[in-house]
Every structure is written in structure tokens, then in C-alpha cells.
Protein backbone atom coordinates (compact mmCIF):
# COMPACT_ATOMS: atom_id res chain seq x y z
CA MET A 1 -9.31 29.81 -7.42
CA SER A 2 -9.30 33.50 -7.72
CA THR A 3 -12.86 35.60 -8.51
CA PHE A 4 -11.15 36.23 -11.67
CA LEU A 5 -9.71 33.07 -13.11
CA SER A 6 -13.31 31.29 -11.52
CA THR A 7 -15.05 33.82 -14.06
CA LEU A 8 -12.65 33.13 -16.83
CA LEU A 9 -13.02 29.36 -16.57
CA GLN A 10 -17.10 29.92 -16.42
CA ALA A 11 -17.06 31.98 -19.09
CA LEU A 12 -14.86 29.24 -21.38
CA LEU A 13 -16.66 26.35 -20.66
CA PRO A 14 -20.06 25.52 -22.47
CA ALA A 15 -22.98 27.82 -21.21
CA VAL A 16 -25.73 25.75 -19.18
CA CYS A 17 -28.19 26.25 -16.77
CA PRO A 18 -27.22 27.32 -13.51
CA VAL A 19 -29.76 25.08 -11.64
CA CYS A 20 -29.64 22.10 -13.15
CA THR A 21 -26.57 22.34 -15.08
CA GLU A 22 -27.97 20.18 -17.50
CA THR A 23 -29.82 22.54 -20.23
CA ASP A 24 -27.65 24.41 -22.83
CA GLY A 25 -27.86 28.19 -22.24
CA VAL A 26 -26.86 31.16 -20.26
CA ASN A 27 -30.34 31.50 -18.16
CA ILE A 28 -31.94 29.25 -15.91
CA CYS A 29 -33.56 27.28 -18.13
CA GLU A 30 -37.74 27.26 -18.43
CA HIS A 31 -38.14 23.59 -16.54
CA CYS A 32 -35.94 24.98 -13.35
CA ILE A 33 -38.20 28.12 -13.19
CA ARG A 34 -41.21 25.98 -13.27
CA GLN A 35 -39.84 24.45 -10.39
CA LEU A 36 -39.03 27.28 -8.38
CA PRO A 37 -40.51 26.95 -4.44
CA ALA A 38 -43.13 30.53 -4.96
CA ILE A 39 -44.31 32.04 -2.22
CA GLU A 40 -48.10 32.98 -3.60
CA GLN A 41 -49.10 34.76 -1.05
CA SER A 42 -47.43 35.93 1.89
CA CYS A 43 -47.19 38.03 5.25
CA PRO A 44 -46.23 41.64 4.53
CA ALA A 45 -44.48 41.77 7.78
CA CYS A 46 -42.39 38.87 7.77
CA ALA A 47 -42.59 37.30 4.52
CA ALA A 48 -44.09 33.47 6.05
CA PRO A 49 -46.79 32.12 3.48
CA LEU A 50 -50.24 32.77 4.26
CA PRO A 51 -53.19 30.50 3.02
CA GLU A 52 -54.66 32.96 1.37
CA TYR A 53 -54.55 36.69 0.90
CA GLY A 54 -55.73 38.81 4.03
CA ALA A 55 -55.17 35.99 6.33
CA THR A 56 -53.77 36.08 9.80
CA CYS A 57 -50.11 35.47 9.81
CA HIS A 58 -49.01 32.56 12.18
CA CYS A 59 -45.99 33.35 12.65
CA CYS A 60 -45.76 37.07 13.68
CA SER A 61 -49.71 37.67 13.93
CA GLY A 62 -48.96 40.71 11.84
CA MET A 63 -46.27 42.07 14.04
CA GLY A 64 -43.27 41.34 11.71
CA PHE A 65 -39.27 41.54 12.67
CA PRO A 66 -38.32 44.38 15.27
CA GLY A 67 -36.97 47.32 13.42
CA ILE A 68 -38.11 46.13 9.87
CA SER A 69 -41.43 47.58 8.79
CA GLU A 70 -42.26 45.36 5.96
CA LEU A 71 -40.40 42.30 4.09
CA LEU A 72 -40.27 41.31 0.41
CA CYS A 73 -39.50 37.54 -0.15
CA HIS A 74 -41.08 35.56 -3.02
CA TRP A 75 -39.27 31.98 -2.70
CA HIS A 76 -38.57 29.36 -0.41
CA TYR A 77 -35.35 28.15 0.56
CA SER A 78 -35.92 24.59 -1.01
CA GLY A 79 -35.47 22.30 -3.84
CA THR A 80 -34.49 24.13 -7.14
CA MET A 81 -33.95 27.68 -4.98
CA LYS A 82 -31.67 25.88 -2.80
CA LEU A 83 -29.69 24.38 -5.38
CA LEU A 84 -29.39 27.79 -7.00
CA ILE A 85 -27.92 29.57 -3.91
CA HIS A 86 -25.93 26.86 -2.90
CA ASN A 87 -24.11 27.06 -6.74
CA ALA A 88 -24.15 31.06 -5.79
CA LYS A 89 -22.75 31.07 -2.36
CA ARG A 90 -20.91 28.01 -1.85
CA ARG A 91 -19.25 27.31 -5.16
CA GLY A 92 -19.22 31.05 -6.44
CA LYS A 93 -20.77 30.46 -9.86
CA THR A 94 -21.43 33.82 -11.54
CA ALA A 95 -24.28 32.56 -13.56
CA ALA A 96 -26.01 31.46 -10.70
CA ILE A 97 -25.43 34.70 -8.77
CA ARG A 98 -26.70 36.28 -11.91
CA THR A 99 -29.85 34.28 -12.16
CA GLY A 100 -30.67 34.71 -8.30
CA CYS A 101 -30.18 38.59 -9.14
CA GLN A 102 -32.61 38.48 -12.07
CA LEU A 103 -34.79 36.75 -10.17
CA LEU A 104 -34.91 39.05 -7.57
CA THR A 105 -35.20 42.25 -9.57
CA ARG A 106 -38.11 40.59 -11.80
CA THR A 107 -40.37 40.77 -8.19
CA LEU A 108 -39.38 44.20 -7.03
CA PRO A 109 -42.52 46.85 -6.74
CA GLU A 110 -42.77 49.70 -8.55
CA LYS A 111 -42.28 51.57 -5.99
CA ILE A 112 -39.58 51.50 -3.45
CA PRO A 113 -39.98 53.32 -0.33
CA ALA A 114 -36.03 53.67 0.03
CA ASP A 115 -33.62 56.91 -0.12
CA ALA A 116 -30.45 54.02 -0.17
CA ILE A 117 -30.12 50.85 -0.22
CA VAL A 118 -27.74 48.77 2.47
CA VAL A 119 -26.79 44.98 2.21
CA ILE A 120 -25.90 42.66 5.50
CA PRO A 121 -22.52 42.46 5.00
CA PRO A 122 -20.73 38.47 4.78
CA SER A 123 -19.88 37.21 8.37
CA THR A 124 -16.86 35.52 6.84
CA PRO A 125 -14.09 36.94 4.45
CA GLN A 126 -15.33 36.66 0.54
CA ALA A 127 -11.71 37.50 -1.04
CA ASP A 128 -11.66 34.82 -3.33
CA LYS A 129 -15.46 34.92 -4.72
CA LEU A 130 -18.49 37.23 -4.92
CA HIS A 131 -20.83 37.94 -2.49
CA LEU A 132 -24.21 37.02 -3.01
CA GLY A 133 -25.93 39.36 -0.73
CA THR A 134 -23.38 42.37 -2.33
CA GLU A 135 -24.44 41.49 -6.09
CA LEU A 136 -28.50 41.33 -5.24
CA GLY A 137 -28.11 45.04 -3.70
CA ARG A 138 -26.09 45.94 -6.80
CA ALA A 139 -28.52 44.41 -9.03
CA ILE A 140 -31.64 45.99 -6.82
CA ALA A 141 -29.28 49.64 -7.54
CA ARG A 142 -28.98 49.62 -10.89
CA LEU A 143 -32.67 49.05 -11.95
CA THR A 144 -34.04 51.39 -9.21
CA GLN A 145 -31.41 54.07 -9.63
CA ILE A 146 -31.59 54.05 -5.72
CA PRO A 147 -27.61 54.64 -4.21
CA LEU A 148 -26.17 51.39 -2.53
CA ILE A 149 -24.20 52.21 -0.05
CA GLN A 150 -22.68 50.02 2.53
CA PRO A 151 -22.59 51.87 6.55
CA LEU A 152 -22.93 48.21 8.34
CA GLN A 153 -19.50 46.89 9.49
CA LEU A 154 -18.88 43.77 11.46
CA THR A 155 -18.06 44.27 15.43
CA HIS A 156 -16.64 40.41 15.29
CA ARG A 157 -16.79 37.18 13.27
CA PRO A 158 -19.26 35.46 14.07
CA HIS A 159 -19.89 31.62 14.41
CA PRO A 160 -21.78 30.04 11.29
CA GLN A 161 -25.37 30.56 11.83
CA HIS A 162 -25.92 27.59 9.89
CA GLN A 163 -24.58 25.35 12.84
CA LEU A 164 -26.62 27.06 15.81
CA SER A 165 -30.18 26.82 17.42
CA GLU A 166 -32.43 29.48 16.82
CA GLN A 167 -32.08 30.83 20.33
CA ASP A 168 -28.00 31.01 19.36
CA ARG A 169 -28.38 32.79 16.25
CA LYS A 170 -30.21 35.55 18.27
CA LYS A 171 -27.48 36.09 21.02
CA ASN A 172 -24.86 34.92 17.95
CA MET A 173 -25.83 38.39 16.24
CA ASN A 174 -27.55 40.51 18.97
CA THR A 175 -24.46 42.97 18.77
CA ILE A 176 -22.89 41.77 15.53
CA PHE A 177 -22.69 45.07 13.16
CA GLN A 178 -22.28 48.74 13.93
CA CYS A 179 -23.05 51.77 11.50
CA SER A 180 -20.01 53.77 10.74
CA LYS A 181 -21.82 57.12 9.47
CA THR A 182 -25.28 58.83 9.19
CA VAL A 183 -27.83 57.13 7.17
CA PRO A 184 -30.85 58.43 5.31
CA ARG A 185 -34.12 57.92 6.86
CA ARG A 186 -35.71 55.24 4.69
CA ILE A 187 -33.44 52.25 4.25
CA LEU A 188 -34.05 49.00 1.85
CA LEU A 189 -31.78 46.53 3.63
CA VAL A 190 -30.63 43.53 1.45
CA ASP A 191 -30.08 39.63 2.71
CA ASP A 192 -29.73 36.56 0.47
CA ILE A 193 -31.44 34.16 2.51
CA LEU A 194 -33.78 34.58 5.52
CA THR A 195 -33.97 32.08 8.33
CA THR A 196 -34.81 33.25 11.81
CA GLY A 197 -34.69 36.99 10.59
CA THR A 198 -31.35 37.35 13.13
CA SER A 199 -29.15 39.40 10.63
CA LEU A 200 -32.35 41.97 9.47
CA ILE A 201 -32.66 42.59 13.02
CA ALA A 202 -29.27 43.29 13.95
CA GLY A 203 -28.85 45.44 10.60
CA ALA A 204 -31.47 47.40 11.27
CA ARG A 205 -30.99 48.11 14.66
CA ALA A 206 -27.44 49.26 14.09
CA LEU A 207 -29.00 51.48 11.22
CA ARG A 208 -31.61 53.31 13.68
CA GLN A 209 -29.13 54.07 15.34
CA GLN A 210 -27.44 56.31 13.20
CA GLY A 211 -30.73 57.94 11.73
CA SER A 212 -32.84 55.66 9.66
CA LYS A 213 -36.56 55.56 11.03
CA ASN A 214 -38.05 53.87 8.10
CA ILE A 215 -36.25 49.80 7.10
CA SER A 216 -38.03 47.37 4.50
CA GLY A 217 -36.44 44.65 3.72
CA ILE A 218 -35.77 41.98 0.79
CA CYS A 219 -34.36 38.51 0.39
CA LEU A 220 -34.24 36.07 -2.31
CA ALA A 221 -35.34 32.94 -0.41
CA ARG A 222 -36.81 32.11 3.04
CA THR A 223 -36.51 28.93 5.17
CA ILE A 224 -39.34 26.71 5.49
CA ARG A 225 -40.88 26.28 9.15
CA TYR A 226 -42.51 22.90 9.58
CA ASN A 227 -45.82 24.75 10.22
CA GLU A 228 -45.60 26.70 6.86
CA ARG A 229 -45.13 23.35 4.35
CA SER A 230 -48.66 23.12 3.48
CA TYR A 231 -48.64 26.91 2.12
CA VAL A 232 -45.90 25.99 -0.55
CA ASP A 233 -46.08 25.47 -4.11
CA ASN A 234 -43.99 23.43 -6.56
CA ASP A 235 -41.16 21.37 -5.28
CA THR A 236 -40.72 22.62 -1.67
CA LYS A 237 -42.34 19.13 -0.76
CA ASN A 238 -39.26 17.28 -1.92
CA PRO A 239 -36.40 19.52 -1.12
């Protein structure tokens, strides 16, 4: 089904919460908002959850990801958030995409140290549906008035990341992007889900080769690692 027909059909159907699909309304319902798996305290370098403010990060020891100066992510990819992203990415639900954009923009800091916004491009063609990452980037650009540019291009089609081990993910994404033109010094790099960080690292590497010096990252959700579960709120213990 084309993006146009899918959007039209969804507009004609009764509006319900894009997560539980039960509560009436065009936006996420209050029950689902309360169930979102928030990261209350996170490492500013890699966005891993911390047991308390100022604690040493058990994932990166404050070193973060290569080429990324700081990383913002407010939710874990589990439970209610996982369902929302599934409806947005796999099922192409425009209401779920809109809700993801609303949630992300609500967590933005007052000042973003960026001259341009760049989105990690999709690894497979998205002709028949909206791309969640691109819509997140557009939402941030509209709110902040920072221009959205797209200089990143795929050099080849990678294997699906979710089918690979962490080591194979890194090999798969090592040279996946090229930057087609000179870019501003300060970039906000947007992705939908942070798993191992390989997509952000590869994107940052390509951007730095074309002039960027300070790259911040932002994602809608971050996958949970085994040793992080005790630091996560709400419904992540029952994903």
C-alpha cells in the first residue's frame, strides 16, 4: 500500500491511541504515557542509564562513542516504546510516527549546539512509507529552526542490523556512509533507535571527513543491555 493510501485510510478510520490502539483520541493516551520506559538519569556521552546523577557510566566510563561529543536519549526500546516504534517503522502508522516526533521534541534542551541537522538515512528503500528517522529530523528542524540537510548517502546496502551480532554490526556499518558535500562544523545527528551506536559512529565519521568538528547525537529510544535493567523505570521489566 502506498504512503498516500495508507495515510488516507488511517485518516478515515476512528482515531485511537497509536500505541494501545484502544483509547479514543489522535494522540498517545495518558495510560501509555505513564508506561513509557524512561531513562531518568543518563550518561551524557552514550545515553546509558545511570543509578544516580553524576555516577560513573558502566558502559563507556564517560568516553562515549567515537566522533560523537554527546548523546541524548530519553527512553529505552522496550515495552510501550517498543510497540510505538514498531507501529511507526514496521507498520507505517502515521499516528505512531507523529507521536514519536512529539515525544522526542518534548525532551529537547533549550539550546542545541548545531548549525545543521542530519538524519541517518534508511538502510533499505522507503518509497512506500514514511521513514521514522527522517520525520524525527523534520520535527526537530521545525521546532528549532535549525536547517535539515541530508548529505549522507549509502555506499552499499547493508545486511539488516537486527540479524547480526554486535561485532558483525560494526563490520557491516564500517564504511556504509559517504558524505556528498562540505557540511557545517556543528551537526546534530538523528537516528530512531540506538542499539550498538554503529550507525551513528559511521555517520559521524563520514561527516567529519567533510568538515564537521562537533557532532551531537539524538535518538528516540535506546536498547537495553542486560546490566542496565535495574536502572530503568516503568514497564521495561516486562518488555
